[in-house]
C-alpha atoms as a PDB file:
ATOM      1  CA  MET A   1     -18.769  25.878 -31.818  1.00  0.00           C
ATOM      2  CA  LEU A   2     -16.204  23.907 -29.786  1.00  0.00           C
ATOM      3  CA  ARG A   3     -13.785  21.789 -31.711  1.00  0.00           C
ATOM      4  CA  PRO A   4     -13.745  18.052 -30.848  1.00  0.00           C
ATOM      5  CA  ALA A   5     -10.094  18.262 -29.773  1.00  0.00           C
ATOM      6  CA  LEU A   6     -10.900  21.062 -27.313  1.00  0.00           C
ATOM      7  CA  VAL A   7     -13.833  19.103 -25.908  1.00  0.00           C
ATOM      8  CA  ALA A   8     -11.657  16.018 -25.423  1.00  0.00           C
ATOM      9  CA  THR A   9      -8.959  18.090 -23.717  1.00  0.00           C
ATOM     10  CA  ALA A  10     -11.505  19.624 -21.360  1.00  0.00           C
ATOM     11  CA  LEU A  11     -12.933  16.224 -20.465  1.00  0.00           C
ATOM     12  CA  LEU A  12      -9.496  14.783 -19.741  1.00  0.00           C
ATOM     13  CA  ALA A  13      -8.602  17.797 -17.630  1.00  0.00           C
ATOM     14  CA  GLY A  14     -11.796  17.358 -15.621  1.00  0.00           C
ATOM     15  CA  GLN A  15     -11.021  13.687 -15.086  1.00  0.00           C
ATOM     16  CA  ALA A  16      -7.488  14.497 -13.940  1.00  0.00           C
ATOM     17  CA  MET A  17      -8.802  17.027 -11.428  1.00  0.00           C
ATOM     18  CA  ALA A  18     -11.152  14.371  -9.998  1.00  0.00           C
ATOM     19  CA  CYS A  19      -8.266  11.965  -9.368  1.00  0.00           C
ATOM     20  CA  PRO A  20      -6.465  12.559  -6.050  1.00  0.00           C
ATOM     21  CA  GLN A  21      -2.811  13.487  -6.480  1.00  0.00           C
ATOM     22  CA  ARG A  22      -1.247  14.926  -3.317  1.00  0.00           C
ATOM     23  CA  PRO A  23      -3.614  14.712  -0.319  1.00  0.00           C
ATOM     24  CA  GLU A  24      -3.373  17.414   2.308  1.00  0.00           C
ATOM     25  CA  PRO A  25      -2.484  16.391   5.898  1.00  0.00           C
ATOM     26  CA  ALA A  26      -6.082  17.045   6.929  1.00  0.00           C
ATOM     27  CA  GLN A  27      -7.393  14.628   4.282  1.00  0.00           C
ATOM     28  CA  ALA A  28      -7.788  10.861   4.156  1.00  0.00           C
ATOM     29  CA  VAL A  29      -7.648   8.693   1.042  1.00  0.00           C
ATOM     30  CA  VAL A  30     -10.300   5.999   0.688  1.00  0.00           C
ATOM     31  CA  LEU A  31      -9.707   3.043  -1.623  1.00  0.00           C
ATOM     32  CA  THR A  32     -12.643   0.756  -2.382  1.00  0.00           C
ATOM     33  CA  THR A  33     -12.799  -2.783  -3.731  1.00  0.00           C
ATOM     34  CA  LEU A  34     -16.126  -4.060  -5.046  1.00  0.00           C
ATOM     35  CA  ASN A  35     -15.566  -7.811  -4.682  1.00  0.00           C
ATOM     36  CA  PRO A  36     -15.377  -8.594  -1.868  1.00  0.00           C
ATOM     37  CA  PRO A  37     -16.791  -5.256  -0.661  1.00  0.00           C
ATOM     38  CA  THR A  38     -13.812  -3.644   1.045  1.00  0.00           C
ATOM     39  CA  THR A  39     -13.078  -0.116   2.196  1.00  0.00           C
ATOM     40  CA  ASP A  40      -9.546   0.984   3.079  1.00  0.00           C
ATOM     41  CA  ARG A  41      -9.162   4.390   4.692  1.00  0.00           C
ATOM     42  CA  PHE A  42      -5.630   5.831   4.888  1.00  0.00           C
ATOM     43  CA  THR A  43      -4.684   8.755   7.123  1.00  0.00           C
ATOM     44  CA  ARG A  44      -1.441  10.305   8.335  1.00  0.00           C
ATOM     45  CA  SER A  45      -0.467  10.338  11.989  1.00  0.00           C
ATOM     46  CA  PRO A  46       2.626  11.330  13.987  1.00  0.00           C
ATOM     47  CA  LYS A  47       3.595   7.629  14.048  1.00  0.00           C
ATOM     48  CA  GLY A  48       3.297   7.190  10.279  1.00  0.00           C
ATOM     49  CA  MET A  49       0.371   6.146   8.112  1.00  0.00           C
ATOM     50  CA  THR A  50      -2.691   4.346   9.445  1.00  0.00           C
ATOM     51  CA  GLN A  51      -5.088   2.117   7.523  1.00  0.00           C
ATOM     52  CA  HIS A  52      -8.576   1.169   8.670  1.00  0.00           C
ATOM     53  CA  GLN A  53      -9.899  -1.717   6.576  1.00  0.00           C
ATOM     54  CA  ILE A  54     -13.494  -2.970   6.586  1.00  0.00           C
ATOM     55  CA  VAL A  55     -14.310  -6.154   4.659  1.00  0.00           C
ATOM     56  CA  THR A  56     -17.969  -7.143   4.275  1.00  0.00           C
ATOM     57  CA  THR A  57     -18.810 -10.835   3.887  1.00  0.00           C
ATOM     58  CA  ASP A  58     -21.902 -13.005   4.273  1.00  0.00           C
ATOM     59  CA  GLY A  59     -20.859 -13.575   7.861  1.00  0.00           C
ATOM     60  CA  GLY A  60     -20.674  -9.869   8.682  1.00  0.00           C
ATOM     61  CA  THR A  61     -17.841  -7.371   8.697  1.00  0.00           C
ATOM     62  CA  VAL A  62     -14.192  -7.767   9.589  1.00  0.00           C
ATOM     63  CA  GLU A  63     -12.226  -4.722  10.707  1.00  0.00           C
ATOM     64  CA  THR A  64      -8.439  -4.550  10.619  1.00  0.00           C
ATOM     65  CA  HIS A  65      -6.146  -1.696  11.617  1.00  0.00           C
ATOM     66  CA  TYR A  66      -2.625  -1.236  10.248  1.00  0.00           C
ATOM     67  CA  LEU A  67       0.195   1.139  11.112  1.00  0.00           C
ATOM     68  CA  TYR A  68       3.009   1.874   8.638  1.00  0.00           C
ATOM     69  CA  PRO A  69       6.300   3.558   9.596  1.00  0.00           C
ATOM     70  CA  HIS A  70       6.606   4.065   5.812  1.00  0.00           C
ATOM     71  CA  PRO A  71       3.889   3.351   3.209  1.00  0.00           C
ATOM     72  CA  LEU A  72       5.988   0.451   1.868  1.00  0.00           C
ATOM     73  CA  LEU A  73       6.432  -1.214   5.283  1.00  0.00           C
ATOM     74  CA  VAL A  74       3.780  -2.701   7.562  1.00  0.00           C
ATOM     75  CA  GLY A  75       4.627  -2.033  11.193  1.00  0.00           C
ATOM     76  CA  GLU A  76       1.539  -3.243  13.023  1.00  0.00           C
ATOM     77  CA  ARG A  77      -1.658  -5.204  12.363  1.00  0.00           C
ATOM     78  CA  GLN A  78      -4.625  -5.393  14.744  1.00  0.00           C
ATOM     79  CA  SER A  79      -7.643  -7.603  14.095  1.00  0.00           C
ATOM     80  CA  GLY A  80      -9.956  -9.626  16.311  1.00  0.00           C
ATOM     81  CA  GLY A  81      -8.011  -8.723  19.434  1.00  0.00           C
ATOM     82  CA  ARG A  82      -4.740 -10.041  17.949  1.00  0.00           C
ATOM     83  CA  ILE A  83      -1.844  -7.593  17.602  1.00  0.00           C
ATOM     84  CA  LEU A  84       1.175  -8.338  15.409  1.00  0.00           C
ATOM     85  CA  ARG A  85       4.124  -5.936  15.251  1.00  0.00           C
ATOM     86  CA  LEU A  86       7.156  -5.823  12.988  1.00  0.00           C
ATOM     87  CA  ARG A  87      10.262  -3.937  14.061  1.00  0.00           C
ATOM     88  CA  TYR A  88      12.927  -3.052  11.481  1.00  0.00           C
ATOM     89  CA  ASN A  89      16.615  -2.389  12.122  1.00  0.00           C
ATOM     90  CA  GLY A  90      18.668  -1.541   9.047  1.00  0.00           C
ATOM     91  CA  ASN A  91      18.890   1.024   6.283  1.00  0.00           C
ATOM     92  CA  PRO A  92      17.226   4.401   7.056  1.00  0.00           C
ATOM     93  CA  LEU A  93      13.550   4.612   6.126  1.00  0.00           C
ATOM     94  CA  GLU A  94      14.378   7.695   4.031  1.00  0.00           C
ATOM     95  CA  TRP A  95      16.168   5.404   1.584  1.00  0.00           C
ATOM     96  CA  LEU A  96      12.790   3.967   0.602  1.00  0.00           C
ATOM     97  CA  ASP A  97      11.951   7.323  -1.001  1.00  0.00           C
ATOM     98  CA  GLN A  98      15.077   6.973  -3.148  1.00  0.00           C
ATOM     99  CA  LEU A  99      14.678   3.363  -4.302  1.00  0.00           C
ATOM    100  CA  PRO A 100      14.870   4.107  -8.057  1.00  0.00           C
ATOM    101  CA  GLY A 101      18.397   5.435  -7.542  1.00  0.00           C
ATOM    102  CA  ARG A 102      19.561   2.765  -5.096  1.00  0.00           C
ATOM    103  CA  GLN A 103      20.360  -0.922  -5.341  1.00  0.00           C
ATOM    104  CA  GLY A 104      17.712  -1.700  -2.748  1.00  0.00           C
ATOM    105  CA  TRP A 105      16.761  -1.487   0.929  1.00  0.00           C
ATOM    106  CA  GLN A 106      17.209  -4.118   3.600  1.00  0.00           C
ATOM    107  CA  ALA A 107      16.788  -4.514   7.334  1.00  0.00           C
ATOM    108  CA  ALA A 108      16.738  -7.102  10.073  1.00  0.00           C
ATOM    109  CA  VAL A 109      13.132  -7.644  11.188  1.00  0.00           C
ATOM    110  CA  THR A 110      11.588  -8.978  14.391  1.00  0.00           C
ATOM    111  CA  LEU A 111       7.988 -10.197  14.663  1.00  0.00           C
ATOM    112  CA  TYR A 112       6.120  -9.706  17.934  1.00  0.00           C
ATOM    113  CA  GLU A 113       2.683 -10.997  18.914  1.00  0.00           C
ATOM    114  CA  GLY A 114       1.310  -8.953  21.752  1.00  0.00           C
ATOM    115  CA  GLY A 115       4.504  -8.197  23.631  1.00  0.00           C
ATOM    116  CA  GLU A 116       6.176 -11.551  22.945  1.00  0.00           C
ATOM    117  CA  LYS A 117       8.910 -12.052  20.363  1.00  0.00           C
ATOM    118  CA  ARG A 118       7.868 -14.691  17.821  1.00  0.00           C
ATOM    119  CA  ALA A 119      10.472 -14.703  15.043  1.00  0.00           C
ATOM    120  CA  THR A 120      13.394 -12.861  13.509  1.00  0.00           C
ATOM    121  CA  GLY A 121      14.571 -12.570   9.932  1.00  0.00           C
ATOM    122  CA  LYS A 122      15.251 -10.023   7.233  1.00  0.00           C
ATOM    123  CA  ASN A 123      13.297  -7.849   4.827  1.00  0.00           C
ATOM    124  CA  MET A 124      14.532  -6.694   1.427  1.00  0.00           C
ATOM    125  CA  LEU A 125      12.990  -4.286  -1.078  1.00  0.00           C
ATOM    126  CA  ARG A 126      14.248  -3.540  -4.579  1.00  0.00           C
ATOM    127  CA  PHE A 127      13.095  -1.302  -7.408  1.00  0.00           C
ATOM    128  CA  LEU A 128      11.897  -3.233 -10.483  1.00  0.00           C
ATOM    129  CA  GLY A 129      10.906  -0.355 -12.769  1.00  0.00           C
ATOM    130  CA  LEU A 130       8.200   2.157 -13.674  1.00  0.00           C
ATOM    131  CA  ASP A 131       4.635   1.278 -14.634  1.00  0.00           C
ATOM    132  CA  THR A 132       1.051   2.560 -14.480  1.00  0.00           C
ATOM    133  CA  VAL A 133      -1.950   1.266 -12.526  1.00  0.00           C
ATOM    134  CA  GLN A 134      -5.653   1.902 -13.108  1.00  0.00           C
ATOM    135  CA  VAL A 135      -7.881   2.686 -10.119  1.00  0.00           C
ATOM    136  CA  GLY A 136     -11.433   3.251 -11.329  1.00  0.00           C
ATOM    137  CA  ASP A 137     -11.292   6.140 -13.816  1.00  0.00           C
ATOM    138  CA  CYS A 138      -7.858   7.220 -12.593  1.00  0.00           C
ATOM    139  CA  ARG A 139      -4.500   6.092 -13.926  1.00  0.00           C
ATOM    140  CA  TYR A 140      -1.375   6.538 -11.815  1.00  0.00           C
ATOM    141  CA  ALA A 141       2.331   6.285 -12.514  1.00  0.00           C
ATOM    142  CA  VAL A 142       3.875   3.831 -10.038  1.00  0.00           C
ATOM    143  CA  TRP A 143       7.131   2.291  -8.932  1.00  0.00           C
ATOM    144  CA  ARG A 144       7.179  -1.487  -9.112  1.00  0.00           C
ATOM    145  CA  ILE A 145       8.759  -2.685  -5.875  1.00  0.00           C
ATOM    146  CA  GLU A 146       9.565  -6.260  -4.887  1.00  0.00           C
ATOM    147  CA  GLU A 147       9.517  -7.025  -1.166  1.00  0.00           C
ATOM    148  CA  VAL A 148      10.854 -10.325   0.168  1.00  0.00           C
ATOM    149  CA  MET A 149      10.493 -11.048   3.892  1.00  0.00           C
ATOM    150  CA  THR A 150      12.048 -14.144   5.411  1.00  0.00           C
ATOM    151  CA  LEU A 151      11.223 -15.099   8.998  1.00  0.00           C
ATOM    152  CA  GLU A 152      12.578 -18.141  10.762  1.00  0.00           C
ATOM    153  CA  GLY A 153      10.240 -21.121  10.617  1.00  0.00           C
ATOM    154  CA  MET A 154       8.044 -19.565   7.910  1.00  0.00           C
ATOM    155  CA  GLU A 155       7.840 -19.581   4.143  1.00  0.00           C
ATOM    156  CA  PRO A 156       9.329 -16.455   2.534  1.00  0.00           C
ATOM    157  CA  ILE A 157       6.725 -13.767   1.771  1.00  0.00           C
ATOM    158  CA  THR A 158       7.179 -12.197  -1.666  1.00  0.00           C
ATOM    159  CA  LEU A 159       5.086  -9.181  -2.654  1.00  0.00           C
ATOM    160  CA  GLU A 160       5.252  -7.023  -5.756  1.00  0.00           C
ATOM    161  CA  LYS A 161       3.887  -3.588  -4.897  1.00  0.00           C
ATOM    162  CA  ALA A 162       2.767  -0.744  -7.174  1.00  0.00           C
ATOM    163  CA  TYR A 163       3.656   2.401  -5.229  1.00  0.00           C
ATOM    164  CA  ASN A 164       2.689   5.962  -6.118  1.00  0.00           C
ATOM    165  CA  PRO A 165       5.055   8.306  -4.239  1.00  0.00           C
ATOM    166  CA  ASP A 166       2.843  11.397  -4.731  1.00  0.00           C
ATOM    167  CA  LEU A 167      -0.086   9.750  -2.962  1.00  0.00           C
ATOM    168  CA  GLY A 168       2.258   7.873  -0.649  1.00  0.00           C
ATOM    169  CA  LEU A 169       0.172   4.732  -1.214  1.00  0.00           C
ATOM    170  CA  VAL A 170       0.527   1.222  -2.576  1.00  0.00           C
ATOM    171  CA  LEU A 171      -2.178   0.916  -5.248  1.00  0.00           C
ATOM    172  CA  GLN A 172      -1.769  -2.760  -6.104  1.00  0.00           C
ATOM    173  CA  VAL A 173      -0.167  -5.810  -4.481  1.00  0.00           C
ATOM    174  CA  VAL A 174       0.724  -9.103  -6.140  1.00  0.00           C
ATOM    175  CA  GLN A 175       1.535 -11.952  -3.758  1.00  0.00           C
ATOM    176  CA  LYS A 176       3.872 -14.591  -5.203  1.00  0.00           C
ATOM    177  CA  SER A 177       4.976 -18.057  -4.182  1.00  0.00           C
ATOM    178  CA  PRO A 178       8.669 -18.747  -3.450  1.00  0.00           C
ATOM    179  CA  GLU A 179       8.805 -20.090  -7.027  1.00  0.00           C
ATOM    180  CA  GLY A 180       7.436 -16.834  -8.448  1.00  0.00           C
ATOM    181  CA  ALA A 181       3.873 -17.976  -9.248  1.00  0.00           C
ATOM    182  CA  VAL A 182       1.098 -15.423  -8.676  1.00  0.00           C
ATOM    183  CA  MET A 183      -0.989 -16.431  -5.648  1.00  0.00           C
ATOM    184  CA  ALA A 184      -3.220 -13.378  -5.147  1.00  0.00           C
ATOM    185  CA  ILE A 185      -3.698  -9.839  -6.445  1.00  0.00           C
ATOM    186  CA  THR A 186      -5.077  -6.918  -4.447  1.00  0.00           C
ATOM    187  CA  ARG A 187      -6.377  -4.097  -6.633  1.00  0.00           C
ATOM    188  CA  PHE A 188      -8.835  -1.252  -6.102  1.00  0.00           C
ATOM    189  CA  ASP A 189     -11.928  -0.087  -8.011  1.00  0.00           C
ATOM    190  CA  ARG A 190     -12.325   3.466  -6.690  1.00  0.00           C
ATOM    191  CA  ILE A 191     -10.286   6.200  -5.049  1.00  0.00           C
ATOM    192  CA  GLU A 192     -11.446   9.375  -3.321  1.00  0.00           C
ATOM    193  CA  VAL A 193     -10.270  11.973  -0.826  1.00  0.00           C
ATOM    194  CA  VAL A 194     -12.355  12.761   2.258  1.00  0.00           C
ATOM    195  CA  PRO A 195     -11.780  14.882   5.371  1.00  0.00           C
ATOM    196  CA  ALA A 196      -9.667  13.087   7.976  1.00  0.00           C
ATOM    197  CA  GLU A 197     -11.537  12.425  11.186  1.00  0.00           C
END
């Protein structure tokens, strides 16, 4: 007869095995949100990480493609024929993998729409501390990272990101007002690994 403690240990081990940890290069990670129905598929490419997002609404589906030079930095967004690009010039991207041991990361940033320059400014990231985030049945240790982007003629964009370095993914995003009030939270209800196409 199995002891209750052994049964519990076996169940937890099985759950841990079902939770993606370090995806292989030939795998994609799919994050799903139930409301609104949203699927985000993340894959690696020679240019960085790509994200294919599909949001389903009463009016149909909206597809958006993102490219990240580093999982913590958006480099490009394509949706509805509109292409926005952000170019960074500052601290090495490798420093982002060392944020817990650094004061922060900063860079000058330029926003382009199509091929036309729209605005310039700066982007700053700093490490806030360690935390955990729940995604479905899986719990992940994360870095809490604050990102503040200021572009001329626009309100500052402040995001608090929950980043898991093993997955190389941001698992939660809190958007804040310039005064620090929470405006929106992006969180996920399911995570899985699938073959990359």
